[in-house]
Amino acid sequence: ESWCEWRKAEATNSLASFKHPARLIDENVEKHIRLIYEELSNDELLTRCLGGHTQNSNESFNSTVW
């Protein structure tokens, strides 16, 4: 048993007739979440993270001292 309606439909082989609810999140909340998502998935930001250069230099220095 699952809390997810899609998974329930999948388990009962009724995905063909499954319909998602019209709106799960308020439009204003969705607007703000979408902006954050778009900023975090920006290609330039993701490219900077690829090299593993995501640690703060101060934190790196502190770890060598202690």
PDB file of N, CA and C in Angstrom:
ATOM      1  N   GLU A   1       0.842  -1.184   0.000  1.00  0.00           N
ATOM      2  CA  GLU A   1       0.000   0.000   0.000  1.00  0.00           C
ATOM      3  C   GLU A   1       0.882   1.241   0.000  1.00  0.00           C
ATOM      4  N   SER A   2       0.459   2.236  -0.733  1.00  0.00           N
ATOM      5  CA  SER A   2       1.245   3.455  -0.867  1.00  0.00           C
ATOM      6  C   SER A   2       0.367   4.679  -0.658  1.00  0.00           C
ATOM      7  N   TRP A   3       0.991   5.753  -0.192  1.00  0.00           N
ATOM      8  CA  TRP A   3       0.274   7.014  -0.058  1.00  0.00           C
ATOM      9  C   TRP A   3       0.158   7.703  -1.416  1.00  0.00           C
ATOM     10  N   CYS A   4       0.972   7.275  -2.366  1.00  0.00           N
ATOM     11  CA  CYS A   4       1.032   7.897  -3.685  1.00  0.00           C
ATOM     12  C   CYS A   4      -0.049   7.313  -4.594  1.00  0.00           C
ATOM     13  N   GLU A   5      -0.928   8.170  -5.068  1.00  0.00           N
ATOM     14  CA  GLU A   5      -2.027   7.714  -5.922  1.00  0.00           C
ATOM     15  C   GLU A   5      -1.514   7.111  -7.230  1.00  0.00           C
ATOM     16  N   TRP A   6      -0.431   7.665  -7.778  1.00  0.00           N
ATOM     17  CA  TRP A   6       0.132   7.130  -9.016  1.00  0.00           C
ATOM     18  C   TRP A   6       0.644   5.719  -8.791  1.00  0.00           C
ATOM     19  N   ARG A   7       1.322   5.492  -7.652  1.00  0.00           N
ATOM     20  CA  ARG A   7       1.831   4.151  -7.337  1.00  0.00           C
ATOM     21  C   ARG A   7       0.679   3.162  -7.136  1.00  0.00           C
ATOM     22  N   LYS A   8      -0.400   3.627  -6.536  1.00  0.00           N
ATOM     23  CA  LYS A   8      -1.572   2.757  -6.363  1.00  0.00           C
ATOM     24  C   LYS A   8      -2.119   2.343  -7.726  1.00  0.00           C
ATOM     25  N   ALA A   9      -2.210   3.306  -8.634  1.00  0.00           N
ATOM     26  CA  ALA A   9      -2.704   3.001  -9.981  1.00  0.00           C
ATOM     27  C   ALA A   9      -1.749   2.063 -10.703  1.00  0.00           C
ATOM     28  N   GLU A  10      -0.453   2.253 -10.495  1.00  0.00           N
ATOM     29  CA  GLU A  10       0.540   1.378 -11.110  1.00  0.00           C
ATOM     30  C   GLU A  10       0.381  -0.054 -10.592  1.00  0.00           C
ATOM     31  N   ALA A  11       0.169  -0.193  -9.291  1.00  0.00           N
ATOM     32  CA  ALA A  11       0.042  -1.522  -8.684  1.00  0.00           C
ATOM     33  C   ALA A  11      -1.209  -2.253  -9.146  1.00  0.00           C
ATOM     34  N   THR A  12      -2.241  -1.499  -9.490  1.00  0.00           N
ATOM     35  CA  THR A  12      -3.494  -2.120  -9.924  1.00  0.00           C
ATOM     36  C   THR A  12      -3.640  -2.126 -11.451  1.00  0.00           C
ATOM     37  N   ASN A  13      -2.554  -1.816 -12.147  1.00  0.00           N
ATOM     38  CA  ASN A  13      -2.553  -1.781 -13.618  1.00  0.00           C
ATOM     39  C   ASN A  13      -3.632  -0.870 -14.193  1.00  0.00           C
ATOM     40  N   SER A  14      -3.827   0.276 -13.555  1.00  0.00           N
ATOM     41  CA  SER A  14      -4.835   1.214 -14.057  1.00  0.00           C
ATOM     42  C   SER A  14      -4.222   2.575 -14.406  1.00  0.00           C
ATOM     43  N   LEU A  15      -2.962   2.562 -14.827  1.00  0.00           N
ATOM     44  CA  LEU A  15      -2.303   3.822 -15.184  1.00  0.00           C
ATOM     45  C   LEU A  15      -2.934   4.489 -16.404  1.00  0.00           C
ATOM     46  N   ALA A  16      -3.491   3.703 -17.292  1.00  0.00           N
ATOM     47  CA  ALA A  16      -4.091   4.270 -18.507  1.00  0.00           C
ATOM     48  C   ALA A  16      -5.228   5.231 -18.176  1.00  0.00           C
ATOM     49  N   SER A  17      -5.936   4.979 -17.094  1.00  0.00           N
ATOM     50  CA  SER A  17      -7.061   5.841 -16.727  1.00  0.00           C
ATOM     51  C   SER A  17      -6.723   6.787 -15.574  1.00  0.00           C
ATOM     52  N   PHE A  18      -5.464   6.802 -15.140  1.00  0.00           N
ATOM     53  CA  PHE A  18      -5.072   7.645 -14.008  1.00  0.00           C
ATOM     54  C   PHE A  18      -5.021   9.109 -14.420  1.00  0.00           C
ATOM     55  N   LYS A  19      -5.548   9.975 -13.588  1.00  0.00           N
ATOM     56  CA  LYS A  19      -5.515  11.421 -13.812  1.00  0.00           C
ATOM     57  C   LYS A  19      -4.913  12.087 -12.578  1.00  0.00           C
ATOM     58  N   HIS A  20      -3.927  12.952 -12.803  1.00  0.00           N
ATOM     59  CA  HIS A  20      -3.348  13.717 -11.703  1.00  0.00           C
ATOM     60  C   HIS A  20      -4.355  14.763 -11.237  1.00  0.00           C
ATOM     61  N   PRO A  21      -4.324  15.102  -9.949  1.00  0.00           N
ATOM     62  CA  PRO A  21      -5.190  16.187  -9.472  1.00  0.00           C
ATOM     63  C   PRO A  21      -4.862  17.483 -10.217  1.00  0.00           C
ATOM     64  N   ALA A  22      -5.855  18.324 -10.383  1.00  0.00           N
ATOM     65  CA  ALA A  22      -5.685  19.552 -11.163  1.00  0.00           C
ATOM     66  C   ALA A  22      -4.589  20.451 -10.595  1.00  0.00           C
ATOM     67  N   ARG A  23      -4.576  20.689  -9.292  1.00  0.00           N
ATOM     68  CA  ARG A  23      -3.583  21.582  -8.694  1.00  0.00           C
ATOM     69  C   ARG A  23      -3.211  21.064  -7.319  1.00  0.00           C
ATOM     70  N   LEU A  24      -1.921  20.792  -7.142  1.00  0.00           N
ATOM     71  CA  LEU A  24      -1.441  20.297  -5.857  1.00  0.00           C
ATOM     72  C   LEU A  24      -0.885  21.408  -4.982  1.00  0.00           C
ATOM     73  N   ILE A  25      -0.354  22.445  -5.606  1.00  0.00           N
ATOM     74  CA  ILE A  25       0.278  23.550  -4.884  1.00  0.00           C
ATOM     75  C   ILE A  25      -0.378  24.854  -5.317  1.00  0.00           C
ATOM     76  N   ASP A  26      -0.569  25.739  -4.360  1.00  0.00           N
ATOM     77  CA  ASP A  26      -1.108  27.053  -4.656  1.00  0.00           C
ATOM     78  C   ASP A  26      -0.235  27.748  -5.709  1.00  0.00           C
ATOM     79  N   GLU A  27      -0.848  28.504  -6.589  1.00  0.00           N
ATOM     80  CA  GLU A  27      -0.119  29.148  -7.692  1.00  0.00           C
ATOM     81  C   GLU A  27       1.008  30.053  -7.206  1.00  0.00           C
ATOM     82  N   ASN A  28       0.768  30.813  -6.132  1.00  0.00           N
ATOM     83  CA  ASN A  28       1.801  31.717  -5.619  1.00  0.00           C
ATOM     84  C   ASN A  28       2.989  30.944  -5.064  1.00  0.00           C
ATOM     85  N   VAL A  29       2.721  29.851  -4.369  1.00  0.00           N
ATOM     86  CA  VAL A  29       3.792  29.018  -3.829  1.00  0.00           C
ATOM     87  C   VAL A  29       4.572  28.395  -4.978  1.00  0.00           C
ATOM     88  N   GLU A  30       3.855  27.898  -5.969  1.00  0.00           N
ATOM     89  CA  GLU A  30       4.507  27.285  -7.127  1.00  0.00           C
ATOM     90  C   GLU A  30       5.418  28.284  -7.842  1.00  0.00           C
ATOM     91  N   LYS A  31       4.969  29.522  -7.957  1.00  0.00           N
ATOM     92  CA  LYS A  31       5.760  30.555  -8.625  1.00  0.00           C
ATOM     93  C   LYS A  31       7.110  30.739  -7.922  1.00  0.00           C
ATOM     94  N   HIS A  32       7.093  30.796  -6.604  1.00  0.00           N
ATOM     95  CA  HIS A  32       8.332  30.991  -5.845  1.00  0.00           C
ATOM     96  C   HIS A  32       9.228  29.759  -5.907  1.00  0.00           C
ATOM     97  N   ILE A  33       8.634  28.595  -5.811  1.00  0.00           N
ATOM     98  CA  ILE A  33       9.413  27.355  -5.890  1.00  0.00           C
ATOM     99  C   ILE A  33      10.048  27.224  -7.270  1.00  0.00           C
ATOM    100  N   ARG A  34       9.299  27.568  -8.296  1.00  0.00           N
ATOM    101  CA  ARG A  34       9.815  27.471  -9.664  1.00  0.00           C
ATOM    102  C   ARG A  34      11.020  28.397  -9.867  1.00  0.00           C
ATOM    103  N   LEU A  35      10.958  29.605  -9.319  1.00  0.00           N
ATOM    104  CA  LEU A  35      12.081  30.536  -9.442  1.00  0.00           C
ATOM    105  C   LEU A  35      13.332  29.967  -8.775  1.00  0.00           C
ATOM    106  N   ILE A  36      13.179  29.396  -7.587  1.00  0.00           N
ATOM    107  CA  ILE A  36      14.311  28.794  -6.878  1.00  0.00           C
ATOM    108  C   ILE A  36      14.856  27.621  -7.678  1.00  0.00           C
ATOM    109  N   TYR A  37      13.971  26.779  -8.181  1.00  0.00           N
ATOM    110  CA  TYR A  37      14.384  25.620  -8.978  1.00  0.00           C
ATOM    111  C   TYR A  37      15.167  26.062 -10.211  1.00  0.00           C
ATOM    112  N   GLU A  38      14.669  27.071 -10.899  1.00  0.00           N
ATOM    113  CA  GLU A  38      15.343  27.543 -12.109  1.00  0.00           C
ATOM    114  C   GLU A  38      16.719  28.122 -11.794  1.00  0.00           C
ATOM    115  N   GLU A  39      16.840  28.835 -10.670  1.00  0.00           N
ATOM    116  CA  GLU A  39      18.142  29.381 -10.287  1.00  0.00           C
ATOM    117  C   GLU A  39      19.119  28.270  -9.930  1.00  0.00           C
ATOM    118  N   LEU A  40      18.656  27.260  -9.202  1.00  0.00           N
ATOM    119  CA  LEU A  40      19.539  26.170  -8.784  1.00  0.00           C
ATOM    120  C   LEU A  40      19.901  25.233  -9.930  1.00  0.00           C
ATOM    121  N   SER A  41      19.089  25.218 -10.988  1.00  0.00           N
ATOM    122  CA  SER A  41      19.390  24.340 -12.118  1.00  0.00           C
ATOM    123  C   SER A  41      20.026  25.101 -13.283  1.00  0.00           C
ATOM    124  N   ASN A  42      20.474  26.315 -13.021  1.00  0.00           N
ATOM    125  CA  ASN A  42      21.154  27.131 -14.019  1.00  0.00           C
ATOM    126  C   ASN A  42      22.428  26.424 -14.474  1.00  0.00           C
ATOM    127  N   ASP A  43      22.645  26.333 -15.779  1.00  0.00           N
ATOM    128  CA  ASP A  43      23.809  25.632 -16.330  1.00  0.00           C
ATOM    129  C   ASP A  43      25.129  26.187 -15.801  1.00  0.00           C
ATOM    130  N   GLU A  44      25.216  27.504 -15.669  1.00  0.00           N
ATOM    131  CA  GLU A  44      26.463  28.110 -15.183  1.00  0.00           C
ATOM    132  C   GLU A  44      26.765  27.664 -13.748  1.00  0.00           C
ATOM    133  N   LEU A  45      25.757  27.648 -12.900  1.00  0.00           N
ATOM    134  CA  LEU A  45      25.947  27.211 -11.517  1.00  0.00           C
ATOM    135  C   LEU A  45      26.327  25.736 -11.460  1.00  0.00           C
ATOM    136  N   LEU A  46      25.635  24.915 -12.222  1.00  0.00           N
ATOM    137  CA  LEU A  46      25.921  23.480 -12.210  1.00  0.00           C
ATOM    138  C   LEU A  46      27.314  23.184 -12.752  1.00  0.00           C
ATOM    139  N   THR A  47      27.760  23.938 -13.744  1.00  0.00           N
ATOM    140  CA  THR A  47      29.100  23.751 -14.293  1.00  0.00           C
ATOM    141  C   THR A  47      30.155  24.059 -13.238  1.00  0.00           C
ATOM    142  N   ARG A  48      29.924  25.089 -12.432  1.00  0.00           N
ATOM    143  CA  ARG A  48      30.871  25.430 -11.368  1.00  0.00           C
ATOM    144  C   ARG A  48      30.949  24.328 -10.322  1.00  0.00           C
ATOM    145  N   CYS A  49      29.872  23.600 -10.126  1.00  0.00           N
ATOM    146  CA  CYS A  49      29.851  22.532  -9.120  1.00  0.00           C
ATOM    147  C   CYS A  49      30.490  21.240  -9.628  1.00  0.00           C
ATOM    148  N   LEU A  50      30.631  21.081 -10.937  1.00  0.00           N
ATOM    149  CA  LEU A  50      31.166  19.846 -11.502  1.00  0.00           C
ATOM    150  C   LEU A  50      32.587  19.543 -11.051  1.00  0.00           C
ATOM    151  N   GLY A  51      33.413  20.560 -10.905  1.00  0.00           N
ATOM    152  CA  GLY A  51      34.800  20.348 -10.529  1.00  0.00           C
ATOM    153  C   GLY A  51      34.987  20.017  -9.064  1.00  0.00           C
ATOM    154  N   GLY A  52      33.926  20.026  -8.291  1.00  0.00           N
ATOM    155  CA  GLY A  52      34.027  19.731  -6.870  1.00  0.00           C
ATOM    156  C   GLY A  52      34.507  20.915  -6.054  1.00  0.00           C
ATOM    157  N   HIS A  53      34.495  22.111  -6.641  1.00  0.00           N
ATOM    158  CA  HIS A  53      34.959  23.311  -5.941  1.00  0.00           C
ATOM    159  C   HIS A  53      33.797  23.975  -5.209  1.00  0.00           C
ATOM    160  N   THR A  54      33.138  23.214  -4.352  1.00  0.00           N
ATOM    161  CA  THR A  54      31.953  23.734  -3.680  1.00  0.00           C
ATOM    162  C   THR A  54      32.202  24.014  -2.210  1.00  0.00           C
ATOM    163  N   GLN A  55      33.384  23.687  -1.691  1.00  0.00           N
ATOM    164  CA  GLN A  55      33.640  23.887  -0.275  1.00  0.00           C
ATOM    165  C   GLN A  55      34.164  25.296  -0.029  1.00  0.00           C
ATOM    166  N   ASN A  56      33.691  25.901   1.039  1.00  0.00           N
ATOM    167  CA  ASN A  56      34.140  27.215   1.441  1.00  0.00           C
ATOM    168  C   ASN A  56      35.617  27.132   1.825  1.00  0.00           C
ATOM    169  N   SER A  57      36.455  28.046   1.327  1.00  0.00           N
ATOM    170  CA  SER A  57      37.893  27.984   1.598  1.00  0.00           C
ATOM    171  C   SER A  57      38.198  28.132   3.084  1.00  0.00           C
ATOM    172  N   ASN A  58      37.397  28.908   3.807  1.00  0.00           N
ATOM    173  CA  ASN A  58      37.605  29.033   5.255  1.00  0.00           C
ATOM    174  C   ASN A  58      37.357  27.705   5.952  1.00  0.00           C
ATOM    175  N   GLU A  59      36.331  26.995   5.546  1.00  0.00           N
ATOM    176  CA  GLU A  59      36.048  25.693   6.144  1.00  0.00           C
ATOM    177  C   GLU A  59      37.172  24.718   5.835  1.00  0.00           C
ATOM    178  N   SER A  60      37.697  24.773   4.636  1.00  0.00           N
ATOM    179  CA  SER A  60      38.793  23.896   4.250  1.00  0.00           C
ATOM    180  C   SER A  60      40.024  24.183   5.104  1.00  0.00           C
ATOM    181  N   PHE A  61      40.337  25.453   5.321  1.00  0.00           N
ATOM    182  CA  PHE A  61      41.478  25.831   6.154  1.00  0.00           C
ATOM    183  C   PHE A  61      41.275  25.363   7.592  1.00  0.00           C
ATOM    184  N   ASN A  62      40.072  25.574   8.125  1.00  0.00           N
ATOM    185  CA  ASN A  62      39.793  25.154   9.500  1.00  0.00           C
ATOM    186  C   ASN A  62      39.961  23.654   9.676  1.00  0.00           C
ATOM    187  N   SER A  63      39.605  22.874   8.679  1.00  0.00           N
ATOM    188  CA  SER A  63      39.731  21.422   8.818  1.00  0.00           C
ATOM    189  C   SER A  63      41.197  21.002   8.866  1.00  0.00           C
ATOM    190  N   THR A  64      42.091  21.773   8.231  1.00  0.00           N
ATOM    191  CA  THR A  64      43.518  21.420   8.298  1.00  0.00           C
ATOM    192  C   THR A  64      44.133  21.860   9.620  1.00  0.00           C
ATOM    193  N   VAL A  65      43.619  22.925  10.209  1.00  0.00           N
ATOM    194  CA  VAL A  65      44.136  23.409  11.493  1.00  0.00           C
ATOM    195  C   VAL A  65      43.706  22.487  12.622  1.00  0.00           C
ATOM    196  N   TRP A  66      42.468  22.071  12.611  1.00  0.00           N
ATOM    197  CA  TRP A  66      41.949  21.246  13.708  1.00  0.00           C
ATOM    198  C   TRP A  66      42.082  19.798  13.351  1.00  0.00           C
TER     199      TRP A  66
END
